[in-house]
Protein backbone atom coordinates (compact mmCIF):
# COMPACT_ATOMS: atom_id res chain seq x y z
CA MET A 1 52.16 -17.13 52.82
CA GLY A 2 51.69 -15.45 56.56
CA ASP A 3 52.12 -12.22 56.38
CA GLY A 4 52.79 -11.96 52.72
CA VAL A 5 51.13 -11.38 49.20
CA LEU A 6 52.10 -12.78 46.38
CA ILE A 7 50.16 -11.61 43.14
CA TYR A 8 51.26 -12.95 40.06
CA PHE A 9 50.96 -10.55 37.07
CA GLY A 10 50.47 -12.47 33.18
CA TYR A 11 49.43 -15.52 35.05
CA PRO A 12 46.86 -17.14 34.19
CA ARG A 13 46.00 -14.68 31.27
CA ALA A 14 48.95 -12.44 29.96
CA HIS A 15 48.64 -8.77 28.73
CA GLU A 16 51.22 -6.60 27.03
CA ASP A 17 51.38 -4.50 29.57
CA ASP A 18 51.60 -6.49 32.89
CA ALA A 19 55.76 -4.99 34.37
CA GLU A 20 53.07 -1.16 34.07
CA ARG A 21 50.18 -2.77 35.99
CA ALA A 22 52.23 -4.80 38.39
CA VAL A 23 53.27 -1.18 39.41
CA ARG A 24 50.30 0.48 39.35
CA ALA A 25 48.95 -1.76 41.52
CA GLY A 26 51.76 -1.60 43.90
CA LEU A 27 51.26 2.48 43.91
CA ALA A 28 47.63 1.54 44.94
CA VAL A 29 47.88 -0.63 47.78
CA VAL A 30 50.79 1.46 49.17
CA ALA A 31 48.31 4.47 49.42
CA ALA A 32 45.28 2.14 50.58
CA VAL A 33 47.42 1.10 53.64
CA GLY A 34 47.87 4.27 54.67
CA ARG A 35 44.47 5.16 54.71
CA LEU A 36 43.33 1.52 56.45
CA PRO A 37 41.61 2.46 60.01
CA ALA A 38 44.02 0.83 62.86
CA ARG A 39 45.32 2.36 66.40
CA GLU A 40 48.92 2.63 64.99
CA ASP A 41 50.22 3.35 61.35
CA LEU A 42 50.42 0.57 59.23
CA ARG A 43 53.03 0.39 56.73
CA VAL A 44 54.25 -2.21 53.44
CA ARG A 45 57.05 -2.96 51.46
CA LEU A 46 56.87 -4.28 48.02
CA GLY A 47 58.94 -5.95 45.37
CA ILE A 48 59.11 -6.64 41.71
CA ALA A 49 60.24 -8.78 39.44
CA THR A 50 59.93 -9.69 36.39
CA GLY A 51 61.15 -13.26 34.20
CA LEU A 52 60.38 -17.09 33.27
CA ALA A 53 58.24 -19.03 35.95
CA VAL A 54 56.77 -22.44 36.08
CA VAL A 55 53.12 -22.00 38.09
CA GLY A 56 52.58 -26.23 39.20
CA ASP A 57 48.92 -27.02 40.80
CA LEU A 58 47.26 -26.26 43.60
CA ILE A 59 49.46 -26.98 47.11
CA GLY A 60 48.13 -26.67 51.38
CA GLU A 61 44.77 -26.25 52.18
CA GLY A 62 41.84 -24.20 53.33
CA ALA A 63 43.77 -20.31 53.50
CA ALA A 64 47.32 -21.64 53.13
CA GLN A 65 46.83 -22.62 50.20
CA GLU A 66 48.72 -21.56 47.61
CA ARG A 67 50.30 -22.32 43.87
CA GLY A 68 53.70 -24.36 43.83
CA VAL A 69 56.40 -21.19 41.65
CA VAL A 70 59.84 -22.44 40.01
CA GLY A 71 62.23 -20.11 39.33
CA GLU A 72 63.69 -16.76 39.63
CA THR A 73 61.56 -14.52 39.39
CA PRO A 74 59.14 -14.88 42.87
CA ASN A 75 62.46 -15.70 44.56
CA LEU A 76 63.84 -12.18 43.59
CA ALA A 77 60.85 -10.21 44.18
CA ALA A 78 61.26 -11.96 47.34
CA ARG A 79 64.25 -10.70 48.05
CA LEU A 80 63.25 -6.72 46.52
CA GLN A 81 60.62 -6.29 49.45
CA ALA A 82 62.90 -7.25 52.12
CA LEU A 83 65.55 -4.59 51.21
CA ALA A 84 62.18 -1.83 50.45
CA ALA A 85 62.00 0.62 52.97
CA PRO A 86 58.83 0.82 54.65
CA ASN A 87 55.65 1.75 52.02
CA ALA A 88 57.91 1.35 49.52
CA LEU A 89 58.12 -0.46 45.97
CA VAL A 90 61.21 -1.38 44.62
CA ILE A 91 61.72 -3.46 41.35
CA ALA A 92 64.06 -5.25 39.34
CA GLU A 93 65.80 -4.24 35.85
CA ALA A 94 63.40 -6.03 33.64
CA THR A 95 60.73 -4.66 34.72
CA ARG A 96 61.73 -1.28 34.34
CA ARG A 97 62.69 -1.71 31.17
CA GLN A 98 59.42 -2.34 31.08
CA ILE A 99 57.15 0.58 31.91
CA GLY A 100 60.11 2.55 30.37
CA GLY A 101 59.48 6.30 30.88
CA LEU A 102 55.64 5.91 32.89
CA PHE A 103 57.07 5.93 36.25
CA ASP A 104 59.85 8.56 38.43
CA LEU A 105 62.69 5.83 39.90
CA GLU A 106 65.42 6.62 42.10
CA ASP A 107 68.29 3.88 41.02
CA LEU A 108 68.96 1.67 44.47
CA GLY A 109 72.63 0.32 42.56
CA SER A 110 73.45 -2.69 42.08
CA LEU A 111 73.23 -5.04 45.17
CA GLN A 112 74.33 -8.30 45.78
CA LEU A 113 71.31 -10.44 47.01
CA ALA A 114 70.83 -14.25 48.85
CA GLY A 115 70.08 -15.97 46.41
CA PHE A 116 72.25 -14.37 42.96
CA GLY A 117 75.57 -15.35 42.12
CA GLU A 118 75.17 -11.97 40.32
CA PRO A 119 73.91 -7.88 41.98
CA GLN A 120 70.76 -7.20 40.69
CA HIS A 121 69.92 -3.70 40.08
CA ALA A 122 67.04 -2.30 41.68
CA TRP A 123 65.51 0.64 41.38
CA ARG A 124 62.69 2.17 43.70
CA VAL A 125 58.91 3.37 42.26
CA LEU A 126 59.08 6.95 43.07
CA GLY A 127 55.54 7.37 41.50
CA GLU A 128 54.01 8.22 38.30
CA SER A 129 55.96 10.43 36.03
CA ASP A 130 54.36 13.19 33.98
CA GLU A 131 54.87 12.12 30.97
CA VAL A 132 51.71 12.28 29.25
CA SER A 133 52.28 10.79 26.37
CA ARG A 134 52.47 6.50 26.43
CA PHE A 135 54.68 6.18 22.94
CA GLU A 136 57.01 8.77 23.90
CA ALA A 137 56.74 7.23 27.97
CA LEU A 138 57.59 3.39 26.49
CA ARG A 139 59.79 3.90 23.90
CA SER A 140 64.12 4.78 24.19
CA GLY A 141 64.29 6.60 20.65
CA THR A 142 62.83 7.11 17.79
CA THR A 143 62.49 4.29 14.84
CA PRO A 144 62.81 5.25 11.81
CA LEU A 145 59.83 5.03 8.99
CA VAL A 146 59.30 3.38 6.94
CA GLY A 147 56.77 3.04 3.82
CA ARG A 148 54.56 5.89 5.06
CA ASP A 149 55.45 8.86 3.02
CA GLU A 150 52.78 9.70 1.04
CA GLU A 151 50.64 9.84 4.95
CA VAL A 152 53.26 11.86 5.61
CA GLU A 153 52.81 14.36 2.45
CA LEU A 154 49.20 14.20 3.23
CA LEU A 155 49.48 15.62 7.14
CA THR A 156 52.08 18.27 5.41
CA ARG A 157 49.53 19.05 2.67
CA ARG A 158 46.53 19.82 5.30
CA TRP A 159 48.99 21.75 7.97
CA GLN A 160 49.62 24.24 5.28
CA GLN A 161 45.48 24.27 4.39
CA ALA A 162 45.60 25.10 7.78
CA LYS A 163 48.20 27.66 8.32
CA THR A 164 45.75 29.40 4.98
CA GLY A 165 43.23 30.15 6.99
CA GLU A 166 41.12 27.07 5.50
CA GLY A 167 40.17 24.84 8.23
CA ARG A 168 41.01 21.10 8.63
CA VAL A 169 40.41 17.51 10.46
CA VAL A 170 42.49 14.66 10.15
CA LEU A 171 41.22 11.39 10.92
CA ILE A 172 43.72 8.48 11.85
CA SER A 173 42.74 5.12 12.22
CA GLY A 174 43.97 1.41 12.06
CA GLU A 175 44.97 -1.53 14.64
CA PRO A 176 47.34 -0.85 17.70
CA GLY A 177 51.13 -1.20 17.03
CA ILE A 178 50.88 0.09 12.80
CA GLY A 179 52.44 2.89 13.73
CA LYS A 180 49.93 5.96 14.05
CA SER A 181 51.84 7.69 17.05
CA ARG A 182 54.82 7.74 15.28
CA LEU A 183 53.34 9.44 11.70
CA THR A 184 52.53 12.25 14.40
CA ALA A 185 55.55 12.20 16.16
CA ALA A 186 56.58 12.98 11.82
CA LEU A 187 53.82 15.57 10.95
CA SER A 188 55.73 16.98 14.48
CA GLU A 189 59.23 17.10 13.92
CA ARG A 190 58.39 18.52 9.91
CA ILE A 191 56.60 21.68 10.93
CA GLU A 192 58.67 22.26 14.40
CA ASP A 193 60.07 24.99 13.25
CA GLU A 194 57.19 26.42 12.32
CA PRO A 195 54.57 28.95 15.19
CA HIS A 196 51.96 27.24 16.30
CA THR A 197 50.81 26.01 19.81
CA ARG A 198 50.25 21.63 19.90
CA VAL A 199 47.80 20.72 22.87
CA ARG A 200 47.79 16.84 22.85
CA TYR A 201 45.14 14.11 24.66
CA PHE A 202 45.40 11.04 25.50
CA CYS A 203 43.31 8.05 26.44
CA SER A 204 44.83 5.21 29.11
CA PRO A 205 42.93 1.85 28.91
CA HIS A 206 43.66 1.65 33.11
CA HIS A 207 41.37 5.19 33.31
CA GLN A 208 38.36 3.61 30.99
CA ASP A 209 35.92 4.89 33.58
CA SER A 210 36.22 8.11 33.21
CA ALA A 211 35.43 10.35 29.77
CA LEU A 212 37.25 12.93 31.13
CA TYR A 213 40.20 11.78 32.21
CA PRO A 214 42.47 13.00 28.72
CA PHE A 215 41.71 16.73 29.69
CA ILE A 216 41.93 16.41 33.24
CA ALA A 217 45.23 15.15 32.85
CA GLN A 218 46.44 18.22 30.28
CA LEU A 219 44.77 20.75 32.66
CA ARG A 220 46.93 18.49 35.23
CA HIS A 221 49.97 19.25 32.55
CA ALA A 222 49.59 22.57 32.45
CA CYS A 223 49.42 23.41 36.05
CA GLY A 224 52.42 22.55 36.60
CA GLY A 225 50.93 19.03 38.75
CA ARG A 226 50.67 15.45 39.33
CA SER A 227 49.44 12.98 39.18
CA ALA A 228 46.53 11.70 42.55
CA ARG A 229 48.15 8.51 42.18
CA ALA A 230 51.95 10.01 42.33
CA ARG A 231 51.91 9.91 46.01
CA PRO A 232 50.27 9.14 49.23
CA ALA A 233 47.87 11.66 50.38
CA ALA A 234 49.72 13.41 53.72
CA PRO A 235 47.23 13.93 56.69
CA ALA A 236 45.04 16.79 57.33
CA HIS A 237 46.83 17.84 60.35
CA ARG A 238 49.99 18.02 57.67
CA ARG A 239 48.52 17.79 54.34
CA PRO A 240 50.23 21.69 52.70
CA ARG A 241 48.41 23.39 50.33
CA HIS A 242 49.32 24.12 46.61
CA ARG A 243 51.64 27.11 45.19
CA GLY A 244 52.49 29.28 42.18
CA ARG A 245 55.08 27.41 40.17
CA ALA A 246 57.21 28.63 37.90
CA GLY A 247 56.49 31.79 35.55
CA HIS A 248 55.85 29.88 32.16
CA VAL A 249 52.42 27.32 34.14
CA ARG A 250 51.36 30.39 35.08
CA SER A 251 51.65 32.64 32.31
CA GLN A 252 49.44 30.25 30.50
CA LEU A 253 46.99 28.98 33.18
CA PRO A 254 47.38 30.73 36.78
CA PHE A 255 47.64 27.48 39.42
CA ARG A 256 45.57 28.97 42.30
CA ARG A 257 45.77 28.19 45.56
CA ARG A 258 42.71 27.17 45.66
CA ARG A 259 43.63 24.39 43.49
CA GLN A 260 41.41 26.09 39.99
CA CYS A 261 43.17 26.79 37.38
CA ARG A 262 41.56 29.59 35.46
CA PRO A 263 42.70 31.17 32.05
CA SER A 264 44.14 35.01 32.49
CA ARG A 265 42.95 37.37 29.76
CA ARG A 266 46.67 36.75 28.64
CA ALA A 267 46.51 32.70 28.42
CA ARG A 268 47.39 30.64 25.43
CA SER A 269 46.22 27.38 25.10
CA PRO A 270 48.66 24.59 26.68
CA GLY A 271 51.71 23.10 24.49
CA GLN A 272 53.78 21.38 25.31
């Protein structure tokens, strides 16, 4: 499409996290374009909208060949792209609702866009959030736990046994969406007033090529750092050095200027 690119997420194959995939791809594009060797700085603007669209047959020939798309969604994405600042990613309200708290956002307010009768709420994506748990990031509130009294009681008994010095390990397995994470959250609520340290490690469908990703993410979170994808790398001549962080993080895992996290003698396992 001229000097632009139109990308579909959810067509021809849909995924439950298409909105998240689109945002991650957008951030990766901004970072990749900034690293391209060129005589002049290359910049890119991106817009993402979520909604219904009718996809037709291929039209055009050769390199100009594309599929005809009808609907407000591609039009909204084009309008958001047009108002985005250089090297910025702007998303619509419907997209924001689907990505939850997975990304840090800047509220751009309601904007009057050409072709739309009502103002459209827009958000700028700043980068990945520091939230480690996808369960918490994708949910706006805690849902009631129904029909899991027996499972919660079993977890509570194992916790009581562990407190007496009897080591216990519990494996919760099952199909996606049946409430495994919600069950562990219920146990955390029951013991929140008791002294304990909680360390959580989460796998990610977007990092299946890294067996150590859960540990990397946990150490980064404990050090007070942010994901490398959260922002494009600064040029070498002005790349900032990392310095020590706030006291409660330093007391657990000191953050060295050489980007090394080394536990001190008084260090405890990082909790959240």
